[in-house]
Every structure is written in C-alpha cells, then in structure tokens.
C-alpha cells in the first residue's frame, strides 16, 4: 500500500482547478485552498497476492473567502474535477473510481471566510511488484 502516491494523485487532481491543496491541514492564512484527510477504509485481497483493493473514505475541507458566491464556485469546481474520475495512476497505485457527495456548507471562521466540506469515497487498486511468489 502506497498512501503517498494516493495523496499525491488526489492533490494533483484538485490543483488542476488552479488552487493549492494541502494534506492534512490548511495553512493559517491562505484563501481559496483545500485540505484532504483520509478516513477509514476496507481492504480486500484479489486472487493474486500481488493486488489489494481498498475502499477508502476521504474528506476535503475547502476554505473560500467571505464571499459565498466565490467560495461555492470554488467548492463546485473541486467537486466537478473529482466526481466520477477513474483510472488515475501513480507508481503501483491506481484509483479505480472517485465518488463525491455534493459540497456542504460547514462554517465561517473568525475572519468570516466560508468553509465547505466534500465527503469522498475512493476505490483503489494497489499492486505489489516486489512480492515474491512461492510455488
């Protein structure tokens, strides 16, 4: 399991909409940025010992500005960039499918910046190229 490749794949996809993505925390002062955090997952071995399939939950926290129109547009752009994305590869990690819930309003911080949250489920295939098979 190569979680570094998984995090990199997700961050690169989010950053295609033009804003920075962090993991696992947001920086103190940036606006129009997001942070990803992984939840629990379940694993299932394939018939081959070299392949593992995982269903992983992920959470995206999105910080916008004090303007809800801009913040919502940014949250929607992340949703549109990720939802139903499939066949993303990095090293021996393949994202089979990303499924997103619509962005939810979360809260306003002390600077009146608006936050949204997106709950995500990811199906991942991990390949272990280095394993040796006993015959």
N, C-alpha and C. Protein backbone atom coordinates (compact mmCIF):
# COMPACT_ATOMS: atom_id res chain seq x y z
N UNK A 1 0.85 -1.18 0.00
CA UNK A 1 0.00 0.00 0.00
C UNK A 1 0.90 1.23 0.00
N UNK A 2 0.65 2.12 -0.95
CA UNK A 2 1.46 3.31 -1.12
C UNK A 2 0.57 4.54 -0.95
N UNK A 3 0.33 4.93 0.30
CA UNK A 3 -0.58 6.05 0.55
C UNK A 3 -0.01 7.38 0.06
N UNK A 4 1.31 7.50 -0.01
CA UNK A 4 1.92 8.73 -0.53
C UNK A 4 1.50 8.97 -1.98
N UNK A 5 1.49 7.91 -2.79
CA UNK A 5 1.06 8.05 -4.18
C UNK A 5 -0.42 8.42 -4.27
N UNK A 6 -1.24 7.85 -3.38
CA UNK A 6 -2.66 8.16 -3.38
C UNK A 6 -2.90 9.63 -3.04
N UNK A 7 -2.24 10.12 -2.01
CA UNK A 7 -2.38 11.52 -1.62
C UNK A 7 -1.92 12.43 -2.76
N UNK A 8 -0.81 12.09 -3.39
CA UNK A 8 -0.29 12.88 -4.50
C UNK A 8 -1.27 12.91 -5.66
N UNK A 9 -1.86 11.77 -6.01
CA UNK A 9 -2.84 11.72 -7.10
C UNK A 9 -4.02 12.65 -6.82
N UNK A 10 -4.56 12.58 -5.62
CA UNK A 10 -5.73 13.40 -5.27
C UNK A 10 -5.35 14.88 -5.27
N UNK A 11 -4.23 15.22 -4.66
CA UNK A 11 -3.80 16.63 -4.62
C UNK A 11 -3.58 17.17 -6.02
N UNK A 12 -2.95 16.39 -6.88
CA UNK A 12 -2.71 16.85 -8.26
C UNK A 12 -4.02 17.09 -9.01
N UNK A 13 -5.00 16.23 -8.81
CA UNK A 13 -6.30 16.42 -9.46
C UNK A 13 -6.99 17.69 -8.96
N UNK A 14 -6.96 17.91 -7.67
CA UNK A 14 -7.59 19.11 -7.11
C UNK A 14 -6.87 20.36 -7.60
N UNK A 15 -5.56 20.32 -7.66
CA UNK A 15 -4.79 21.50 -8.05
C UNK A 15 -4.97 21.85 -9.53
N UNK A 16 -5.55 20.95 -10.31
CA UNK A 16 -5.83 21.27 -11.71
C UNK A 16 -6.85 22.39 -11.86
N UNK A 17 -7.64 22.65 -10.81
CA UNK A 17 -8.62 23.75 -10.87
C UNK A 17 -7.96 25.08 -10.52
N UNK A 18 -6.65 25.05 -10.21
CA UNK A 18 -5.91 26.30 -10.06
C UNK A 18 -5.66 26.77 -8.64
N UNK A 19 -6.00 25.99 -7.65
CA UNK A 19 -5.76 26.40 -6.28
C UNK A 19 -5.01 25.32 -5.51
N UNK A 20 -4.37 25.69 -4.47
CA UNK A 20 -3.50 24.81 -3.71
C UNK A 20 -4.30 23.83 -2.85
N UNK A 21 -3.79 22.61 -2.75
CA UNK A 21 -4.38 21.58 -1.91
C UNK A 21 -3.31 21.09 -0.94
N UNK A 22 -3.69 20.95 0.32
CA UNK A 22 -2.77 20.53 1.37
C UNK A 22 -3.25 19.22 1.98
N UNK A 23 -2.37 18.62 2.75
CA UNK A 23 -2.74 17.41 3.49
C UNK A 23 -1.89 17.33 4.74
N UNK A 24 -2.46 17.17 5.89
CA UNK A 24 -3.88 17.04 6.22
C UNK A 24 -4.53 18.35 6.69
N UNK A 25 -3.74 19.43 6.88
CA UNK A 25 -4.29 20.67 7.45
C UNK A 25 -4.18 21.83 6.47
N UNK A 26 -5.07 22.79 6.65
CA UNK A 26 -5.00 24.04 5.89
C UNK A 26 -3.96 24.96 6.53
N UNK A 27 -3.26 25.77 5.72
CA UNK A 27 -2.37 26.77 6.31
C UNK A 27 -3.20 27.86 6.99
N UNK A 28 -2.58 28.62 7.84
CA UNK A 28 -3.29 29.60 8.65
C UNK A 28 -3.99 30.68 7.83
N UNK A 29 -3.34 31.24 6.81
CA UNK A 29 -3.86 32.46 6.18
C UNK A 29 -4.35 32.32 4.76
N UNK A 30 -4.04 31.26 4.05
CA UNK A 30 -4.44 31.14 2.64
C UNK A 30 -5.95 31.09 2.49
N UNK A 31 -6.43 31.64 1.38
CA UNK A 31 -7.83 31.54 0.99
C UNK A 31 -7.91 30.78 -0.32
N UNK A 32 -9.10 30.29 -0.64
CA UNK A 32 -9.33 29.52 -1.87
C UNK A 32 -8.34 28.36 -1.95
N UNK A 33 -8.36 27.56 -0.91
CA UNK A 33 -7.49 26.38 -0.84
C UNK A 33 -8.27 25.25 -0.19
N UNK A 34 -7.69 24.06 -0.21
CA UNK A 34 -8.36 22.90 0.36
C UNK A 34 -7.35 22.00 1.04
N UNK A 35 -7.86 21.11 1.87
CA UNK A 35 -7.02 20.12 2.55
C UNK A 35 -7.76 18.78 2.49
N UNK A 36 -6.99 17.72 2.28
CA UNK A 36 -7.58 16.39 2.24
C UNK A 36 -7.13 15.60 3.46
N UNK A 37 -8.04 14.77 3.92
CA UNK A 37 -7.77 13.91 5.07
C UNK A 37 -8.47 12.58 4.81
N UNK A 38 -7.76 11.51 5.07
CA UNK A 38 -8.33 10.19 4.83
C UNK A 38 -8.99 9.65 6.09
N UNK A 39 -10.10 8.96 5.89
CA UNK A 39 -10.80 8.28 6.98
C UNK A 39 -10.45 6.81 6.95
N UNK A 40 -11.36 6.01 7.41
CA UNK A 40 -11.12 4.57 7.45
C UNK A 40 -11.40 3.95 6.10
N UNK A 41 -10.90 2.76 5.92
CA UNK A 41 -11.12 2.05 4.67
C UNK A 41 -11.21 0.56 4.92
N UNK A 42 -11.63 -0.14 3.91
CA UNK A 42 -11.67 -1.60 3.97
C UNK A 42 -10.81 -2.14 2.84
N UNK A 43 -10.16 -3.26 3.11
CA UNK A 43 -9.27 -3.88 2.14
C UNK A 43 -9.80 -5.25 1.76
N UNK A 44 -9.51 -5.62 0.53
CA UNK A 44 -9.89 -6.94 0.05
C UNK A 44 -8.79 -7.43 -0.88
N UNK A 45 -8.27 -8.59 -0.60
CA UNK A 45 -7.24 -9.18 -1.45
C UNK A 45 -7.87 -9.75 -2.71
N UNK A 46 -7.15 -9.63 -3.80
CA UNK A 46 -7.56 -10.26 -5.05
C UNK A 46 -7.10 -11.71 -5.01
N UNK A 47 -7.46 -12.48 -6.01
CA UNK A 47 -6.99 -13.85 -6.09
C UNK A 47 -5.47 -13.88 -6.15
N UNK A 48 -4.89 -12.90 -6.78
CA UNK A 48 -3.44 -12.75 -6.80
C UNK A 48 -2.99 -12.07 -5.52
N UNK A 49 -1.95 -12.58 -4.89
CA UNK A 49 -1.44 -11.97 -3.66
C UNK A 49 -0.79 -10.61 -3.91
N UNK A 50 -0.56 -10.28 -5.18
CA UNK A 50 0.12 -9.04 -5.51
C UNK A 50 -0.83 -7.85 -5.64
N UNK A 51 -2.13 -8.07 -5.52
CA UNK A 51 -3.10 -6.99 -5.71
C UNK A 51 -4.00 -6.88 -4.48
N UNK A 52 -4.16 -5.64 -4.02
CA UNK A 52 -5.04 -5.33 -2.91
C UNK A 52 -6.01 -4.26 -3.39
N UNK A 53 -7.29 -4.42 -3.09
CA UNK A 53 -8.31 -3.41 -3.40
C UNK A 53 -8.76 -2.77 -2.10
N UNK A 54 -8.92 -1.45 -2.12
CA UNK A 54 -9.36 -0.73 -0.93
C UNK A 54 -10.51 0.20 -1.28
N UNK A 55 -11.44 0.32 -0.35
CA UNK A 55 -12.47 1.35 -0.39
C UNK A 55 -12.13 2.30 0.74
N UNK A 56 -11.79 3.55 0.40
CA UNK A 56 -11.28 4.50 1.38
C UNK A 56 -12.17 5.73 1.39
N UNK A 57 -12.51 6.20 2.59
CA UNK A 57 -13.24 7.45 2.70
C UNK A 57 -12.22 8.59 2.82
N UNK A 58 -12.59 9.73 2.28
CA UNK A 58 -11.73 10.90 2.31
C UNK A 58 -12.61 12.12 2.53
N UNK A 59 -12.04 13.12 3.15
CA UNK A 59 -12.76 14.36 3.42
C UNK A 59 -11.95 15.52 2.86
N UNK A 60 -12.63 16.42 2.18
CA UNK A 60 -11.98 17.61 1.65
C UNK A 60 -12.58 18.81 2.37
N UNK A 61 -11.74 19.56 3.06
CA UNK A 61 -12.16 20.80 3.70
C UNK A 61 -11.71 21.94 2.79
N UNK A 62 -12.65 22.79 2.42
CA UNK A 62 -12.40 23.85 1.46
C UNK A 62 -12.58 25.19 2.15
N UNK A 63 -11.55 26.04 2.08
CA UNK A 63 -11.66 27.39 2.62
C UNK A 63 -11.79 28.35 1.46
N UNK A 64 -12.87 29.10 1.47
CA UNK A 64 -13.07 30.10 0.45
C UNK A 64 -12.72 31.48 0.96
N UNK A 65 -13.54 32.43 0.61
CA UNK A 65 -13.39 33.81 1.08
C UNK A 65 -14.66 34.17 1.84
N UNK A 66 -14.82 35.43 2.17
CA UNK A 66 -16.06 35.86 2.83
C UNK A 66 -17.21 35.95 1.84
N UNK A 67 -16.92 35.86 0.56
CA UNK A 67 -17.94 35.92 -0.49
C UNK A 67 -18.43 34.50 -0.78
N UNK A 68 -19.69 34.24 -0.49
CA UNK A 68 -20.22 32.88 -0.66
C UNK A 68 -20.27 32.46 -2.12
N UNK A 69 -20.54 33.37 -3.03
CA UNK A 69 -20.59 33.01 -4.45
C UNK A 69 -19.25 32.47 -4.91
N UNK A 70 -18.17 33.17 -4.58
CA UNK A 70 -16.83 32.71 -4.95
C UNK A 70 -16.48 31.40 -4.26
N UNK A 71 -16.81 31.30 -2.98
CA UNK A 71 -16.47 30.10 -2.21
C UNK A 71 -17.23 28.88 -2.74
N UNK A 72 -18.50 29.07 -3.03
CA UNK A 72 -19.30 27.95 -3.56
C UNK A 72 -18.82 27.54 -4.95
N UNK A 73 -18.47 28.51 -5.76
CA UNK A 73 -17.95 28.22 -7.10
C UNK A 73 -16.66 27.41 -7.00
N UNK A 74 -15.79 27.76 -6.06
CA UNK A 74 -14.54 27.02 -5.86
C UNK A 74 -14.83 25.60 -5.38
N UNK A 75 -15.74 25.44 -4.42
CA UNK A 75 -16.11 24.10 -3.94
C UNK A 75 -16.69 23.26 -5.07
N UNK A 76 -17.54 23.86 -5.87
CA UNK A 76 -18.13 23.14 -7.01
C UNK A 76 -17.07 22.73 -8.03
N UNK A 77 -16.05 23.57 -8.23
CA UNK A 77 -15.00 23.22 -9.19
C UNK A 77 -14.20 22.01 -8.71
N UNK A 78 -13.97 21.90 -7.42
CA UNK A 78 -13.29 20.71 -6.88
C UNK A 78 -14.17 19.49 -7.04
N UNK A 79 -15.45 19.62 -6.71
CA UNK A 79 -16.39 18.51 -6.89
C UNK A 79 -16.40 18.04 -8.35
N UNK A 80 -16.53 18.98 -9.28
CA UNK A 80 -16.59 18.63 -10.70
C UNK A 80 -15.29 18.01 -11.20
N UNK A 81 -14.17 18.41 -10.62
CA UNK A 81 -12.88 17.87 -11.02
C UNK A 81 -12.70 16.42 -10.56
N UNK A 82 -13.28 16.07 -9.41
CA UNK A 82 -13.05 14.74 -8.84
C UNK A 82 -14.16 13.72 -9.09
N UNK A 83 -15.41 14.16 -9.05
CA UNK A 83 -16.51 13.20 -9.07
C UNK A 83 -16.50 12.34 -10.34
N UNK A 84 -16.58 11.06 -10.15
CA UNK A 84 -16.57 10.04 -11.20
C UNK A 84 -15.26 9.98 -11.99
N UNK A 85 -14.19 10.51 -11.43
CA UNK A 85 -12.87 10.37 -12.05
C UNK A 85 -12.44 8.92 -11.89
N UNK A 86 -11.82 8.37 -12.90
CA UNK A 86 -11.39 6.97 -12.83
C UNK A 86 -10.05 6.79 -13.54
N UNK A 87 -9.44 5.66 -13.25
CA UNK A 87 -8.19 5.24 -13.89
C UNK A 87 -7.08 6.29 -13.80
N UNK A 88 -6.80 6.74 -12.58
CA UNK A 88 -5.66 7.61 -12.32
C UNK A 88 -4.54 6.73 -11.78
N UNK A 89 -3.33 6.91 -12.29
CA UNK A 89 -2.21 6.05 -11.92
C UNK A 89 -1.05 6.85 -11.36
N UNK A 90 -0.38 6.29 -10.37
CA UNK A 90 0.90 6.79 -9.88
C UNK A 90 1.63 5.62 -9.24
N UNK A 91 2.82 5.36 -9.74
CA UNK A 91 3.61 4.21 -9.28
C UNK A 91 2.78 2.95 -9.41
N UNK A 92 2.58 2.22 -8.32
CA UNK A 92 1.80 0.98 -8.36
C UNK A 92 0.40 1.17 -7.79
N UNK A 93 -0.06 2.41 -7.78
CA UNK A 93 -1.38 2.76 -7.24
C UNK A 93 -2.28 3.20 -8.38
N UNK A 94 -3.49 2.65 -8.41
CA UNK A 94 -4.47 3.05 -9.42
C UNK A 94 -5.77 3.38 -8.71
N UNK A 95 -6.26 4.58 -8.95
CA UNK A 95 -7.59 4.94 -8.46
C UNK A 95 -8.58 4.41 -9.49
N UNK A 96 -9.42 3.49 -9.07
CA UNK A 96 -10.41 2.91 -9.95
C UNK A 96 -11.57 3.88 -10.15
N UNK A 97 -12.06 4.48 -9.05
CA UNK A 97 -13.20 5.39 -9.14
C UNK A 97 -13.23 6.30 -7.92
N UNK A 98 -13.55 7.57 -8.16
CA UNK A 98 -13.78 8.54 -7.10
C UNK A 98 -15.25 8.93 -7.14
N UNK A 99 -15.92 8.84 -6.01
CA UNK A 99 -17.33 9.26 -5.90
C UNK A 99 -17.44 10.33 -4.82
N UNK A 100 -18.01 11.47 -5.17
CA UNK A 100 -18.11 12.60 -4.24
C UNK A 100 -19.56 12.92 -3.90
N UNK A 101 -19.77 13.32 -2.66
CA UNK A 101 -21.05 13.92 -2.27
C UNK A 101 -20.96 15.41 -2.64
N UNK A 102 -22.09 16.04 -2.84
CA UNK A 102 -22.07 17.47 -3.18
C UNK A 102 -21.48 18.28 -2.02
N UNK A 103 -20.85 19.39 -2.33
CA UNK A 103 -20.24 20.21 -1.27
C UNK A 103 -21.28 20.68 -0.26
N UNK A 104 -20.94 20.57 1.01
CA UNK A 104 -21.81 21.02 2.11
C UNK A 104 -21.20 22.26 2.76
N UNK A 105 -22.04 23.24 3.05
CA UNK A 105 -21.58 24.37 3.85
C UNK A 105 -21.17 23.83 5.22
N UNK A 106 -20.01 24.25 5.71
CA UNK A 106 -19.53 23.77 7.01
C UNK A 106 -19.64 24.87 8.07
N UNK A 107 -18.97 26.00 7.87
CA UNK A 107 -18.97 27.07 8.88
C UNK A 107 -18.25 28.30 8.33
N UNK A 108 -18.28 29.37 9.12
CA UNK A 108 -17.47 30.57 8.88
C UNK A 108 -16.45 30.66 10.01
N UNK A 109 -15.24 31.05 9.68
CA UNK A 109 -14.24 31.21 10.73
C UNK A 109 -14.29 32.64 11.30
N UNK A 110 -13.36 32.93 12.19
CA UNK A 110 -13.35 34.24 12.86
C UNK A 110 -13.07 35.39 11.87
N UNK A 111 -12.53 35.07 10.70
CA UNK A 111 -12.30 36.09 9.66
C UNK A 111 -13.43 36.12 8.63
N UNK A 112 -14.53 35.45 8.93
CA UNK A 112 -15.72 35.39 8.08
C UNK A 112 -15.50 34.64 6.77
N UNK A 113 -14.41 33.88 6.68
CA UNK A 113 -14.19 33.04 5.49
C UNK A 113 -15.12 31.83 5.57
N UNK A 114 -15.66 31.45 4.42
CA UNK A 114 -16.63 30.37 4.35
C UNK A 114 -15.92 29.06 4.04
N UNK A 115 -16.35 27.99 4.74
CA UNK A 115 -15.79 26.66 4.56
C UNK A 115 -16.86 25.72 4.02
N UNK A 116 -16.44 24.86 3.12
CA UNK A 116 -17.28 23.78 2.62
C UNK A 116 -16.56 22.47 2.86
N UNK A 117 -17.33 21.39 2.88
CA UNK A 117 -16.80 20.06 3.08
C UNK A 117 -17.34 19.15 1.97
N UNK A 118 -16.48 18.28 1.45
CA UNK A 118 -16.91 17.28 0.49
C UNK A 118 -16.50 15.91 1.02
N UNK A 119 -17.48 15.02 1.15
CA UNK A 119 -17.19 13.63 1.54
C UNK A 119 -16.96 12.82 0.27
N UNK A 120 -15.91 12.01 0.29
CA UNK A 120 -15.48 11.30 -0.91
C UNK A 120 -15.25 9.83 -0.59
N UNK A 121 -15.59 8.96 -1.52
CA UNK A 121 -15.24 7.54 -1.43
C UNK A 121 -14.36 7.21 -2.63
N UNK A 122 -13.28 6.48 -2.36
CA UNK A 122 -12.32 6.15 -3.41
C UNK A 122 -12.12 4.64 -3.43
N UNK A 123 -12.19 4.06 -4.60
CA UNK A 123 -11.85 2.65 -4.79
C UNK A 123 -10.45 2.63 -5.41
N UNK A 124 -9.52 1.91 -4.75
CA UNK A 124 -8.12 1.93 -5.13
C UNK A 124 -7.61 0.51 -5.36
N UNK A 125 -6.76 0.37 -6.35
CA UNK A 125 -6.05 -0.89 -6.58
C UNK A 125 -4.57 -0.65 -6.29
N UNK A 126 -4.03 -1.48 -5.42
CA UNK A 126 -2.61 -1.39 -5.07
C UNK A 126 -1.93 -2.64 -5.62
N UNK A 127 -0.82 -2.45 -6.29
CA UNK A 127 -0.05 -3.59 -6.81
C UNK A 127 1.29 -3.64 -6.10
N UNK A 128 1.67 -4.84 -5.71
CA UNK A 128 2.95 -5.05 -5.07
C UNK A 128 3.86 -5.77 -6.05
N UNK A 129 4.65 -5.00 -6.76
CA UNK A 129 5.53 -5.56 -7.78
C UNK A 129 6.72 -6.30 -7.19
N UNK A 130 7.07 -6.01 -5.93
CA UNK A 130 8.25 -6.61 -5.33
C UNK A 130 7.99 -7.93 -4.64
N UNK A 131 6.75 -8.32 -4.49
CA UNK A 131 6.49 -9.55 -3.75
C UNK A 131 6.99 -10.76 -4.51
N UNK A 132 7.40 -11.74 -3.78
CA UNK A 132 7.85 -12.97 -4.40
C UNK A 132 6.81 -14.04 -4.17
N UNK A 133 6.58 -14.81 -5.18
CA UNK A 133 5.58 -15.87 -5.09
C UNK A 133 6.25 -17.19 -4.79
N UNK A 134 5.65 -17.95 -3.87
CA UNK A 134 6.15 -19.28 -3.56
C UNK A 134 5.34 -20.27 -4.37
N UNK A 135 6.05 -21.12 -5.08
CA UNK A 135 5.33 -22.08 -5.91
C UNK A 135 5.51 -23.48 -5.40
